[in-house]
Amino acid sequence: MGKSQGAMGFEVLTLAHGHLVEVVAGVPESAWAAPTPCTGWTVRQVFNHARIDQQGYGLAITGGRPDSDPFHPADALAGDPSAELGKVVRAVADAYAGLPADAEQVPTPLGPLPLPLAAAAAAMDAGVHAWDIAVATDQDRHLPLELAEGIWPVARRLVDRLRDAYQVFAPAREPEQGYDSAEALLAFLGRDPHWTPPAS
C-alpha cells in the first residue's frame, strides 16, 4: 500500500529542512555578505528571509505572526544562525506533525492548501533558498532530485499565480535541453541553474 499524500508532503518538507540546515551550517563566516542568485540580496539577507518564511509556515498553523516581514527580515546573525534556524524548522515540523493526516485544508502564508501541497510549499521555499545559499557560498550546487520531484506539483499549481500577483519569482527561464528535474525547476522559478558568483 502506498504512502498517504500527507506523509509524502511531510517527507518532502523534512528533506528540504535538512538541506537548508546543512547548507546554513556550511556557510563560511566570510561569506555572509556574498551575492546570491536573488538579485540584490546577500547570503545574509536570503538566510534571514528563508528563516522568517519558515516561521510563517509554522505560525500559520499554530497562531501568531512571524517576528518580521520576510522581505524586510529581522537579522538572526547576531547569535548562532544555525541554532536560530534549527528552532524555527523544529517548530514548523512540530506544527505539521500535529495536523491530522487527512486534513483537507491547512493554513499557509499563501492561503489554505491541501496538506501535501501546504507541506510542499514550505519545502519549496526552504529547498530553493538552500540552493541560493549553497551556490553563493561554493557548496554542493545541486538541488536534490528527490526534493525537486516533491516540489514540482506545488510549483505547477502556485508559482505562476504568485509571480503574476506579487512578483515574488523572477520570470521563468526556458529550460535547456538535458536539464534534469531539479535544473528545470530552478529555471521555472526564475533562476539560472548554472549561476556562479560574479567575479570580484
C-alpha atoms as a PDB file:
ATOM      1  CA  MET A   1       0.000   0.000   0.000  1.00  0.00           C
ATOM      2  CA  GLY A   2       1.385   3.424  -0.954  1.00  0.00           C
ATOM      3  CA  LYS A   3       2.081   6.284   1.413  1.00  0.00           C
ATOM      4  CA  SER A   4      -0.618   8.873   2.023  1.00  0.00           C
ATOM      5  CA  GLN A   5      -0.177  12.157   0.190  1.00  0.00           C
ATOM      6  CA  GLY A   6       0.142  13.895   3.546  1.00  0.00           C
ATOM      7  CA  ALA A   7       3.030  11.628   4.538  1.00  0.00           C
ATOM      8  CA  MET A   8       4.724  12.252   1.196  1.00  0.00           C
ATOM      9  CA  GLY A   9       4.359  16.013   1.606  1.00  0.00           C
ATOM     10  CA  PHE A  10       5.758  15.783   5.115  1.00  0.00           C
ATOM     11  CA  GLU A  11       8.770  13.774   3.873  1.00  0.00           C
ATOM     12  CA  VAL A  12       9.490  16.456   1.263  1.00  0.00           C
ATOM     13  CA  LEU A  13       9.358  19.122   3.980  1.00  0.00           C
ATOM     14  CA  THR A  14      11.714  17.108   6.206  1.00  0.00           C
ATOM     15  CA  LEU A  15      14.124  16.712   3.279  1.00  0.00           C
ATOM     16  CA  ALA A  16      14.002  20.452   2.487  1.00  0.00           C
ATOM     17  CA  HIS A  17      14.560  21.433   6.110  1.00  0.00           C
ATOM     18  CA  GLY A  18      17.518  19.065   6.390  1.00  0.00           C
ATOM     19  CA  HIS A  19      19.033  20.523   3.226  1.00  0.00           C
ATOM     20  CA  LEU A  20      18.582  24.126   4.410  1.00  0.00           C
ATOM     21  CA  VAL A  21      20.055  23.385   7.851  1.00  0.00           C
ATOM     22  CA  GLU A  22      23.095  21.641   6.309  1.00  0.00           C
ATOM     23  CA  VAL A  23      23.721  24.460   3.850  1.00  0.00           C
ATOM     24  CA  VAL A  24      23.442  27.191   6.503  1.00  0.00           C
ATOM     25  CA  ALA A  25      25.848  25.254   8.752  1.00  0.00           C
ATOM     26  CA  GLY A  26      28.305  25.215   5.839  1.00  0.00           C
ATOM     27  CA  VAL A  27      28.373  28.992   5.254  1.00  0.00           C
ATOM     28  CA  PRO A  28      31.880  30.327   5.979  1.00  0.00           C
ATOM     29  CA  GLU A  29      31.946  33.345   8.293  1.00  0.00           C
ATOM     30  CA  SER A  30      33.439  35.417   5.453  1.00  0.00           C
ATOM     31  CA  ALA A  31      30.592  34.593   3.020  1.00  0.00           C
ATOM     32  CA  TRP A  32      27.523  36.175   4.658  1.00  0.00           C
ATOM     33  CA  ALA A  33      27.903  39.328   2.544  1.00  0.00           C
ATOM     34  CA  ALA A  34      28.344  37.396  -0.732  1.00  0.00           C
ATOM     35  CA  PRO A  35      25.887  37.984  -3.612  1.00  0.00           C
ATOM     36  CA  THR A  36      23.287  35.296  -4.389  1.00  0.00           C
ATOM     37  CA  PRO A  37      21.136  34.318  -7.400  1.00  0.00           C
ATOM     38  CA  CYS A  38      18.422  36.554  -5.825  1.00  0.00           C
ATOM     39  CA  THR A  39      19.445  39.831  -7.464  1.00  0.00           C
ATOM     40  CA  GLY A  40      20.447  42.463  -4.923  1.00  0.00           C
ATOM     41  CA  TRP A  41      20.297  40.043  -1.966  1.00  0.00           C
ATOM     42  CA  THR A  42      23.287  38.820   0.030  1.00  0.00           C
ATOM     43  CA  VAL A  43      23.593  35.401   1.655  1.00  0.00           C
ATOM     44  CA  ARG A  44      22.718  37.048   4.972  1.00  0.00           C
ATOM     45  CA  GLN A  45      19.515  38.531   3.542  1.00  0.00           C
ATOM     46  CA  VAL A  46      18.436  35.261   1.890  1.00  0.00           C
ATOM     47  CA  PHE A  47      19.093  33.364   5.134  1.00  0.00           C
ATOM     48  CA  ASN A  48      17.056  35.840   7.190  1.00  0.00           C
ATOM     49  CA  HIS A  49      14.264  35.811   4.582  1.00  0.00           C
ATOM     50  CA  ALA A  50      14.173  31.991   4.497  1.00  0.00           C
ATOM     51  CA  ARG A  51      14.063  31.801   8.304  1.00  0.00           C
ATOM     52  CA  ILE A  52      11.105  34.210   8.510  1.00  0.00           C
ATOM     53  CA  ASP A  53       9.322  32.429   5.646  1.00  0.00           C
ATOM     54  CA  GLN A  54       9.572  29.116   7.511  1.00  0.00           C
ATOM     55  CA  GLN A  55       8.432  30.781  10.723  1.00  0.00           C
ATOM     56  CA  GLY A  56       5.373  31.955   8.780  1.00  0.00           C
ATOM     57  CA  TYR A  57       4.506  28.409   7.681  1.00  0.00           C
ATOM     58  CA  GLY A  58       4.583  27.160  11.278  1.00  0.00           C
ATOM     59  CA  LEU A  59       2.721  30.105  12.793  1.00  0.00           C
ATOM     60  CA  ALA A  60       0.009  29.943  10.122  1.00  0.00           C
ATOM     61  CA  ILE A  61      -0.964  26.651  11.797  1.00  0.00           C
ATOM     62  CA  THR A  62      -0.290  27.381  15.462  1.00  0.00           C
ATOM     63  CA  GLY A  63      -1.314  31.047  15.526  1.00  0.00           C
ATOM     64  CA  GLY A  64       0.735  34.227  15.685  1.00  0.00           C
ATOM     65  CA  ARG A  65       2.798  36.218  13.238  1.00  0.00           C
ATOM     66  CA  PRO A  66       6.458  35.993  12.231  1.00  0.00           C
ATOM     67  CA  ASP A  67       8.805  38.345  14.049  1.00  0.00           C
ATOM     68  CA  SER A  68       9.263  40.488  10.925  1.00  0.00           C
ATOM     69  CA  ASP A  69       8.338  40.905   7.246  1.00  0.00           C
ATOM     70  CA  PRO A  70      10.165  38.258   5.145  1.00  0.00           C
ATOM     71  CA  PHE A  71      11.013  40.929   2.572  1.00  0.00           C
ATOM     72  CA  HIS A  72      12.464  43.162   5.313  1.00  0.00           C
ATOM     73  CA  PRO A  73      13.537  40.386   7.679  1.00  0.00           C
ATOM     74  CA  ALA A  74      14.934  40.767  11.169  1.00  0.00           C
ATOM     75  CA  ASP A  75      18.581  39.750  11.328  1.00  0.00           C
ATOM     76  CA  ALA A  76      19.364  36.480  13.107  1.00  0.00           C
ATOM     77  CA  LEU A  77      23.139  36.572  12.603  1.00  0.00           C
ATOM     78  CA  ALA A  78      23.950  38.264  15.895  1.00  0.00           C
ATOM     79  CA  GLY A  79      23.570  34.905  17.644  1.00  0.00           C
ATOM     80  CA  ASP A  80      24.118  31.463  16.155  1.00  0.00           C
ATOM     81  CA  PRO A  81      22.418  31.317  12.711  1.00  0.00           C
ATOM     82  CA  SER A  82      22.244  27.507  12.707  1.00  0.00           C
ATOM     83  CA  ALA A  83      20.691  27.441  16.170  1.00  0.00           C
ATOM     84  CA  GLU A  84      18.160  30.138  15.228  1.00  0.00           C
ATOM     85  CA  LEU A  85      17.220  28.258  12.059  1.00  0.00           C
ATOM     86  CA  GLY A  86      17.063  24.954  13.927  1.00  0.00           C
ATOM     87  CA  LYS A  87      14.498  26.343  16.376  1.00  0.00           C
ATOM     88  CA  VAL A  88      12.319  27.561  13.514  1.00  0.00           C
ATOM     89  CA  VAL A  89      12.383  24.373  11.431  1.00  0.00           C
ATOM     90  CA  ARG A  90      11.632  22.272  14.536  1.00  0.00           C
ATOM     91  CA  ALA A  91       8.609  24.469  15.253  1.00  0.00           C
ATOM     92  CA  VAL A  92       7.383  24.071  11.645  1.00  0.00           C
ATOM     93  CA  ALA A  93       7.908  20.300  11.728  1.00  0.00           C
ATOM     94  CA  ASP A  94       6.035  20.078  15.040  1.00  0.00           C
ATOM     95  CA  ALA A  95       3.150  22.172  13.660  1.00  0.00           C
ATOM     96  CA  TYR A  96       2.809  19.882  10.621  1.00  0.00           C
ATOM     97  CA  ALA A  97       3.229  16.718  12.718  1.00  0.00           C
ATOM     98  CA  GLY A  98       0.335  17.880  14.881  1.00  0.00           C
ATOM     99  CA  LEU A  99      -2.094  18.021  11.960  1.00  0.00           C
ATOM    100  CA  PRO A 100      -4.498  15.145  11.262  1.00  0.00           C
ATOM    101  CA  ALA A 101      -3.220  13.057   8.325  1.00  0.00           C
ATOM    102  CA  ASP A 102      -6.494  13.633   6.487  1.00  0.00           C
ATOM    103  CA  ALA A 103      -6.524  17.436   6.925  1.00  0.00           C
ATOM    104  CA  GLU A 104      -8.171  18.758   3.770  1.00  0.00           C
ATOM    105  CA  GLN A 105      -7.091  22.382   4.159  1.00  0.00           C
ATOM    106  CA  VAL A 106      -4.057  23.690   6.035  1.00  0.00           C
ATOM    107  CA  PRO A 107      -3.499  27.407   6.665  1.00  0.00           C
ATOM    108  CA  THR A 108      -0.325  28.736   4.999  1.00  0.00           C
ATOM    109  CA  PRO A 109       1.058  32.205   4.237  1.00  0.00           C
ATOM    110  CA  LEU A 110      -0.219  31.589   0.668  1.00  0.00           C
ATOM    111  CA  GLY A 111      -3.759  30.785   1.825  1.00  0.00           C
ATOM    112  CA  PRO A 112      -5.296  27.416   2.716  1.00  0.00           C
ATOM    113  CA  LEU A 113      -3.950  24.397   0.820  1.00  0.00           C
ATOM    114  CA  PRO A 114      -4.471  20.623   0.991  1.00  0.00           C
ATOM    115  CA  LEU A 115      -1.946  19.101   3.411  1.00  0.00           C
ATOM    116  CA  PRO A 116       0.503  17.640   0.828  1.00  0.00           C
ATOM    117  CA  LEU A 117       0.593  20.930  -1.102  1.00  0.00           C
ATOM    118  CA  ALA A 118       0.957  23.015   2.071  1.00  0.00           C
ATOM    119  CA  ALA A 119       3.946  20.946   3.189  1.00  0.00           C
ATOM    120  CA  ALA A 120       5.417  21.037  -0.327  1.00  0.00           C
ATOM    121  CA  ALA A 121       5.005  24.843  -0.479  1.00  0.00           C
ATOM    122  CA  ALA A 122       7.023  25.198   2.738  1.00  0.00           C
ATOM    123  CA  ALA A 123       9.533  22.720   1.270  1.00  0.00           C
ATOM    124  CA  MET A 124       9.785  24.721  -1.968  1.00  0.00           C
ATOM    125  CA  ASP A 125      10.676  27.835  -0.015  1.00  0.00           C
ATOM    126  CA  ALA A 126      13.254  26.097   2.186  1.00  0.00           C
ATOM    127  CA  GLY A 127      14.782  23.988  -0.577  1.00  0.00           C
ATOM    128  CA  VAL A 128      15.183  26.705  -3.173  1.00  0.00           C
ATOM    129  CA  HIS A 129      16.648  29.205  -0.708  1.00  0.00           C
ATOM    130  CA  ALA A 130      19.042  26.468   0.446  1.00  0.00           C
ATOM    131  CA  TRP A 131      20.172  26.211  -3.183  1.00  0.00           C
ATOM    132  CA  ASP A 132      20.558  30.024  -3.391  1.00  0.00           C
ATOM    133  CA  ILE A 133      22.814  29.992  -0.335  1.00  0.00           C
ATOM    134  CA  ALA A 134      24.731  26.890  -1.429  1.00  0.00           C
ATOM    135  CA  VAL A 135      25.713  28.219  -4.847  1.00  0.00           C
ATOM    136  CA  ALA A 136      26.557  31.632  -3.389  1.00  0.00           C
ATOM    137  CA  THR A 137      28.954  30.064  -0.870  1.00  0.00           C
ATOM    138  CA  ASP A 138      30.583  27.467  -3.129  1.00  0.00           C
ATOM    139  CA  GLN A 139      28.871  24.462  -1.549  1.00  0.00           C
ATOM    140  CA  ASP A 140      27.440  21.456  -3.405  1.00  0.00           C
ATOM    141  CA  ARG A 141      25.376  23.201  -6.049  1.00  0.00           C
ATOM    142  CA  HIS A 142      22.742  20.607  -6.816  1.00  0.00           C
ATOM    143  CA  LEU A 143      19.180  20.791  -5.584  1.00  0.00           C
ATOM    144  CA  PRO A 144      18.475  17.145  -4.612  1.00  0.00           C
ATOM    145  CA  LEU A 145      16.409  15.444  -7.320  1.00  0.00           C
ATOM    146  CA  GLU A 146      14.114  13.796  -4.771  1.00  0.00           C
ATOM    147  CA  LEU A 147      13.383  17.215  -3.281  1.00  0.00           C
ATOM    148  CA  ALA A 148      12.743  18.771  -6.706  1.00  0.00           C
ATOM    149  CA  GLU A 149      10.317  15.962  -7.605  1.00  0.00           C
ATOM    150  CA  GLY A 150       8.397  16.607  -4.392  1.00  0.00           C
ATOM    151  CA  ILE A 151       8.235  20.363  -5.047  1.00  0.00           C
ATOM    152  CA  TRP A 152       7.124  20.240  -8.702  1.00  0.00           C
ATOM    153  CA  PRO A 153       3.396  19.616  -8.015  1.00  0.00           C
ATOM    154  CA  VAL A 154       3.065  22.717  -5.833  1.00  0.00           C
ATOM    155  CA  ALA A 155       5.262  24.786  -8.160  1.00  0.00           C
ATOM    156  CA  ARG A 156       2.991  23.977 -11.106  1.00  0.00           C
ATOM    157  CA  ARG A 157      -0.081  24.873  -9.091  1.00  0.00           C
ATOM    158  CA  LEU A 158       1.054  28.101  -7.393  1.00  0.00           C
ATOM    159  CA  VAL A 159       4.123  29.752  -8.882  1.00  0.00           C
ATOM    160  CA  ASP A 160       2.652  31.429 -11.962  1.00  0.00           C
ATOM    161  CA  ARG A 161      -0.146  32.922  -9.846  1.00  0.00           C
ATOM    162  CA  LEU A 162       2.323  34.188  -7.239  1.00  0.00           C
ATOM    163  CA  ARG A 163       4.625  35.526  -9.939  1.00  0.00           C
ATOM    164  CA  ASP A 164       1.778  37.455 -11.585  1.00  0.00           C
ATOM    165  CA  ALA A 165       0.167  38.727  -8.380  1.00  0.00           C
ATOM    166  CA  TYR A 166       3.181  39.510  -6.193  1.00  0.00           C
ATOM    167  CA  GLN A 167       6.311  39.338  -8.381  1.00  0.00           C
ATOM    168  CA  VAL A 168       7.898  37.055  -5.789  1.00  0.00           C
ATOM    169  CA  PHE A 169       9.578  34.990  -8.511  1.00  0.00           C
ATOM    170  CA  ALA A 170      11.594  36.247 -11.473  1.00  0.00           C
ATOM    171  CA  PRO A 171      10.183  35.386 -14.908  1.00  0.00           C
ATOM    172  CA  ALA A 172      10.526  31.706 -15.781  1.00  0.00           C
ATOM    173  CA  ARG A 173      13.561  30.765 -17.872  1.00  0.00           C
ATOM    174  CA  GLU A 174      13.350  28.400 -20.820  1.00  0.00           C
ATOM    175  CA  PRO A 175      14.822  25.055 -19.694  1.00  0.00           C
ATOM    176  CA  GLU A 176      17.780  23.896 -21.763  1.00  0.00           C
ATOM    177  CA  GLN A 177      17.967  20.502 -23.391  1.00  0.00           C
ATOM    178  CA  GLY A 178      19.358  17.957 -20.971  1.00  0.00           C
ATOM    179  CA  TYR A 179      18.157  19.691 -17.800  1.00  0.00           C
ATOM    180  CA  ASP A 180      17.179  17.283 -15.044  1.00  0.00           C
ATOM    181  CA  SER A 181      14.044  17.905 -12.978  1.00  0.00           C
ATOM    182  CA  ALA A 182      15.932  19.991 -10.408  1.00  0.00           C
ATOM    183  CA  GLU A 183      17.523  22.260 -13.042  1.00  0.00           C
ATOM    184  CA  ALA A 184      14.159  22.588 -14.807  1.00  0.00           C
ATOM    185  CA  LEU A 185      12.500  23.542 -11.507  1.00  0.00           C
ATOM    186  CA  LEU A 186      15.097  26.219 -10.791  1.00  0.00           C
ATOM    187  CA  ALA A 187      14.587  27.624 -14.297  1.00  0.00           C
ATOM    188  CA  PHE A 188      10.804  27.624 -13.802  1.00  0.00           C
ATOM    189  CA  LEU A 189      11.341  29.571 -10.568  1.00  0.00           C
ATOM    190  CA  GLY A 190      13.296  32.205 -12.493  1.00  0.00           C
ATOM    191  CA  ARG A 191      16.785  31.055 -11.549  1.00  0.00           C
ATOM    192  CA  ASP A 192      19.789  30.140 -13.680  1.00  0.00           C
ATOM    193  CA  PRO A 193      20.611  26.570 -12.562  1.00  0.00           C
ATOM    194  CA  HIS A 194      24.240  27.207 -13.537  1.00  0.00           C
ATOM    195  CA  TRP A 195      24.562  30.549 -11.739  1.00  0.00           C
ATOM    196  CA  THR A 196      28.005  31.356 -10.430  1.00  0.00           C
ATOM    197  CA  PRO A 197      29.029  34.292  -8.228  1.00  0.00           C
ATOM    198  CA  PRO A 198      30.166  37.375 -10.165  1.00  0.00           C
ATOM    199  CA  ALA A 199      33.927  37.761 -10.392  1.00  0.00           C
ATOM    200  CA  SER A 200      35.063  40.041  -7.580  1.00  0.00           C
END
